[in-house]
Amino acid sequence: MAADDGKPPAEVARYAVAGDCLENRGTHAKPVMFTIPCSDTKADYKVMFSATAQGKCPPEFDEYLERGGRNGNTTLCLTQVRH
C-alpha cells in the first residue's frame, strides 16, 4: 500500500482539460503524461486546449496524442511551462 502524502493521485493526460498541467514521466520520443498541479516544479506542459475533434494542433503548440480509450484517441495542444 502506498503512503498517503496528501497529494491527489496522478491522472492520465487523456482526462486533462484546458488549464491543467502535465508531467512527462517518459521520454521526449515516447512521452507518458500525467496531470499534476501547475504549481508543482515537475510540471512540463500546460494544456491550452483539446484538438481531439480536429486531430491536429496549430504549429505554434506542442502536440500530445494518447491513443485508445473508450472515446478513441485524445489530442492535446500544449505549451511548455517555464519555472
C-alpha atoms as a PDB file:
ATOM      1  CA  MET A   1       0.000   0.000   0.000  1.00  0.00           C
ATOM      2  CA  ALA A   2       1.412   3.397  -0.978  1.00  0.00           C
ATOM      3  CA  ALA A   3       1.929   6.043   1.661  1.00  0.00           C
ATOM      4  CA  ASP A   4      -0.599   8.874   1.636  1.00  0.00           C
ATOM      5  CA  ASP A   5       1.397  12.053   1.065  1.00  0.00           C
ATOM      6  CA  GLY A   6      -1.741  14.200   0.927  1.00  0.00           C
ATOM      7  CA  LYS A   7      -1.485  14.729  -2.827  1.00  0.00           C
ATOM      8  CA  PRO A   8      -4.270  13.602  -5.153  1.00  0.00           C
ATOM      9  CA  PRO A   9      -3.345  10.560  -7.259  1.00  0.00           C
ATOM     10  CA  ALA A  10      -1.860  11.328 -10.675  1.00  0.00           C
ATOM     11  CA  GLU A  11      -4.331  11.095 -13.520  1.00  0.00           C
ATOM     12  CA  VAL A  12      -3.516  10.117 -17.059  1.00  0.00           C
ATOM     13  CA  ALA A  13      -3.403  13.002 -19.509  1.00  0.00           C
ATOM     14  CA  ARG A  14      -6.431  11.861 -21.535  1.00  0.00           C
ATOM     15  CA  TYR A  15      -8.684  13.418 -18.860  1.00  0.00           C
ATOM     16  CA  ALA A  16      -6.818  16.757 -18.831  1.00  0.00           C
ATOM     17  CA  VAL A  17      -8.663  19.936 -19.742  1.00  0.00           C
ATOM     18  CA  ALA A  18      -7.515  23.425 -20.714  1.00  0.00           C
ATOM     19  CA  GLY A  19      -5.542  24.967 -17.858  1.00  0.00           C
ATOM     20  CA  ASP A  20      -4.277  21.643 -16.462  1.00  0.00           C
ATOM     21  CA  CYS A  21      -0.554  20.943 -16.325  1.00  0.00           C
ATOM     22  CA  LEU A  22       1.222  17.747 -17.293  1.00  0.00           C
ATOM     23  CA  GLU A  23       4.391  15.981 -16.205  1.00  0.00           C
ATOM     24  CA  ASN A  24       6.204  13.803 -18.743  1.00  0.00           C
ATOM     25  CA  ARG A  25       7.342  10.645 -16.960  1.00  0.00           C
ATOM     26  CA  GLY A  26       8.530   9.072 -20.193  1.00  0.00           C
ATOM     27  CA  THR A  27      10.959  10.390 -22.795  1.00  0.00           C
ATOM     28  CA  HIS A  28      10.637  13.080 -25.434  1.00  0.00           C
ATOM     29  CA  ALA A  29      10.234  10.398 -28.108  1.00  0.00           C
ATOM     30  CA  LYS A  30       7.803   8.295 -26.022  1.00  0.00           C
ATOM     31  CA  PRO A  31       6.054  10.645 -23.603  1.00  0.00           C
ATOM     32  CA  VAL A  32       4.000   9.308 -20.702  1.00  0.00           C
ATOM     33  CA  MET A  33       1.967  12.256 -19.449  1.00  0.00           C
ATOM     34  CA  PHE A  34       0.173  12.680 -16.134  1.00  0.00           C
ATOM     35  CA  THR A  35      -1.951  15.587 -14.877  1.00  0.00           C
ATOM     36  CA  ILE A  36      -0.334  17.381 -11.925  1.00  0.00           C
ATOM     37  CA  PRO A  37      -0.834  20.780 -10.242  1.00  0.00           C
ATOM     38  CA  CYS A  38       0.625  23.683 -12.214  1.00  0.00           C
ATOM     39  CA  SER A  39       2.365  24.860  -9.036  1.00  0.00           C
ATOM     40  CA  ASP A  40       4.423  21.637  -8.984  1.00  0.00           C
ATOM     41  CA  THR A  41       8.010  22.185 -10.208  1.00  0.00           C
ATOM     42  CA  LYS A  42       7.722  18.899 -12.157  1.00  0.00           C
ATOM     43  CA  ALA A  43       5.053  20.395 -14.453  1.00  0.00           C
ATOM     44  CA  ASP A  44       6.453  20.281 -18.004  1.00  0.00           C
ATOM     45  CA  TYR A  45       3.470  21.405 -20.105  1.00  0.00           C
ATOM     46  CA  LYS A  46       0.217  23.330 -19.773  1.00  0.00           C
ATOM     47  CA  VAL A  47      -2.840  22.190 -21.736  1.00  0.00           C
ATOM     48  CA  MET A  48      -4.108  25.067 -23.860  1.00  0.00           C
ATOM     49  CA  PHE A  49      -6.983  23.171 -25.486  1.00  0.00           C
ATOM     50  CA  SER A  50      -8.044  19.813 -26.869  1.00  0.00           C
ATOM     51  CA  ALA A  51      -7.756  19.237 -30.605  1.00  0.00           C
ATOM     52  CA  THR A  52      -9.339  15.791 -30.450  1.00  0.00           C
ATOM     53  CA  ALA A  53     -12.099  16.772 -32.890  1.00  0.00           C
ATOM     54  CA  GLN A  54      -9.625  18.234 -35.417  1.00  0.00           C
ATOM     55  CA  GLY A  55      -6.890  15.679 -34.688  1.00  0.00           C
ATOM     56  CA  LYS A  56      -4.107  18.262 -35.117  1.00  0.00           C
ATOM     57  CA  CYS A  57      -2.777  21.255 -33.158  1.00  0.00           C
ATOM     58  CA  PRO A  58      -1.746  24.555 -34.763  1.00  0.00           C
ATOM     59  CA  PRO A  59       2.036  24.658 -35.415  1.00  0.00           C
ATOM     60  CA  GLU A  60       2.760  27.064 -32.532  1.00  0.00           C
ATOM     61  CA  PHE A  61       1.759  24.387 -29.972  1.00  0.00           C
ATOM     62  CA  ASP A  62       3.373  21.144 -28.873  1.00  0.00           C
ATOM     63  CA  GLU A  63       1.058  18.214 -29.547  1.00  0.00           C
ATOM     64  CA  TYR A  64       0.419  15.192 -27.360  1.00  0.00           C
ATOM     65  CA  LEU A  65      -1.542  12.228 -28.713  1.00  0.00           C
ATOM     66  CA  GLU A  66      -2.790   9.495 -26.410  1.00  0.00           C
ATOM     67  CA  ARG A  67      -4.170   6.545 -28.351  1.00  0.00           C
ATOM     68  CA  GLY A  68      -7.075   4.332 -27.369  1.00  0.00           C
ATOM     69  CA  GLY A  69      -9.520   4.671 -24.530  1.00  0.00           C
ATOM     70  CA  ARG A  70     -13.289   4.413 -24.522  1.00  0.00           C
ATOM     71  CA  ASN A  71     -13.684   7.561 -26.597  1.00  0.00           C
ATOM     72  CA  GLY A  72     -10.809   6.906 -29.009  1.00  0.00           C
ATOM     73  CA  ASN A  73      -7.658   8.992 -29.337  1.00  0.00           C
ATOM     74  CA  THR A  74      -7.048  12.199 -27.366  1.00  0.00           C
ATOM     75  CA  THR A  75      -5.046  15.089 -28.857  1.00  0.00           C
ATOM     76  CA  LEU A  76      -3.929  17.905 -26.542  1.00  0.00           C
ATOM     77  CA  CYS A  77      -2.299  21.179 -27.589  1.00  0.00           C
ATOM     78  CA  LEU A  78       0.376  22.228 -25.109  1.00  0.00           C
ATOM     79  CA  THR A  79       2.818  24.978 -24.219  1.00  0.00           C
ATOM     80  CA  GLN A  80       5.949  24.413 -22.139  1.00  0.00           C
ATOM     81  CA  VAL A  81       5.842  25.534 -18.515  1.00  0.00           C
ATOM     82  CA  ARG A  82       8.645  27.894 -17.523  1.00  0.00           C
ATOM     83  CA  HIS A  83       9.586  27.703 -13.841  1.00  0.00           C
END
